Amino acid sequence: MEVKDTNGAILNNGDSVRVTKDLKVKGTSRTLKRGEVVKNIKLIPDPENIECRLGKATIVIKTCFIKKA
């Protein structure tokens, strides 16, 4: 299974990605700003999503809103 970002680059566990759009995080008051870098991503069985940690919280981001950093 290949997981790709918006540009078609293949993502791997531990990669860093950049957010391409402001995203509100459900369940918190936090917003991921465009251009923010998320480090150490984790791939999950769904190729449309990735998992990452922001502080103590684990969140899932759609791959259509990220690009490889």
Protein backbone atom coordinates (compact mmCIF):
# COMPACT_ATOMS: atom_id res chain seq x y z
CA MET A 1 0.00 0.00 0.00
CA GLU A 2 1.38 3.40 -1.01
CA VAL A 3 0.38 6.57 0.77
CA LYS A 4 0.87 9.74 -1.29
CA ASP A 5 0.65 13.45 -0.47
CA THR A 6 -1.02 16.14 -2.60
CA ASN A 7 1.94 16.29 -5.00
CA GLY A 8 2.11 12.51 -5.45
CA ALA A 9 5.23 11.98 -3.32
CA ILE A 10 5.25 8.66 -1.45
CA LEU A 11 5.13 9.01 2.34
CA ASN A 12 6.87 6.71 4.84
CA ASN A 13 6.73 6.28 8.62
CA GLY A 14 8.79 8.97 10.36
CA ASP A 15 8.60 11.54 7.53
CA SER A 16 7.94 15.23 8.12
CA VAL A 17 5.06 16.87 6.30
CA ARG A 18 3.86 20.45 5.78
CA VAL A 19 0.19 21.46 6.09
CA THR A 20 -1.15 23.11 2.91
CA LYS A 21 -4.35 24.60 4.39
CA ASP A 22 -5.51 25.95 7.76
CA LEU A 23 -7.18 23.03 9.55
CA LYS A 24 -9.27 23.12 12.71
CA VAL A 25 -8.59 20.15 14.99
CA LYS A 26 -11.84 18.62 16.22
CA GLY A 27 -12.18 18.33 19.97
CA THR A 28 -9.63 21.08 20.70
CA SER A 29 -9.31 24.82 20.25
CA ARG A 30 -6.14 24.33 18.20
CA THR A 31 -5.80 25.19 14.51
CA LEU A 32 -3.05 23.83 12.29
CA LYS A 33 -1.82 26.81 10.28
CA ARG A 34 -0.83 26.61 6.62
CA GLY A 35 2.90 25.89 6.37
CA GLU A 36 3.20 24.27 9.80
CA VAL A 37 5.52 21.25 9.82
CA VAL A 38 4.39 18.02 11.48
CA LYS A 39 7.25 15.63 12.27
CA ASN A 40 7.39 11.87 12.69
CA ILE A 41 4.16 10.80 10.99
CA LYS A 42 2.76 7.28 11.29
CA LEU A 43 1.01 5.50 8.43
CA ILE A 44 -2.27 3.73 9.20
CA PRO A 45 -4.13 1.09 7.14
CA ASP A 46 -6.27 3.78 5.46
CA PRO A 47 -4.20 5.28 2.57
CA GLU A 48 -6.25 8.53 2.69
CA ASN A 49 -5.10 9.43 6.24
CA ILE A 50 -1.95 9.67 8.38
CA GLU A 51 -1.55 9.78 12.14
CA CYS A 52 0.71 12.16 14.07
CA ARG A 53 1.24 13.59 17.53
CA LEU A 54 0.74 17.23 18.46
CA GLY A 55 1.91 17.67 22.00
CA LYS A 56 0.18 14.92 23.98
CA ALA A 57 -2.67 14.45 21.50
CA THR A 58 -2.67 12.02 18.56
CA ILE A 59 -4.53 13.31 15.52
CA VAL A 60 -5.40 12.01 12.05
CA ILE A 61 -4.85 14.22 8.99
CA LYS A 62 -6.15 13.62 5.47
CA THR A 63 -3.34 13.24 2.93
CA CYS A 64 -5.01 15.74 0.58
CA PHE A 65 -4.02 18.55 3.00
CA ILE A 66 -0.30 17.74 3.38
CA LYS A 67 2.87 17.71 1.32
CA LYS A 68 6.22 16.12 2.10
CA ALA A 69 8.65 18.51 3.80
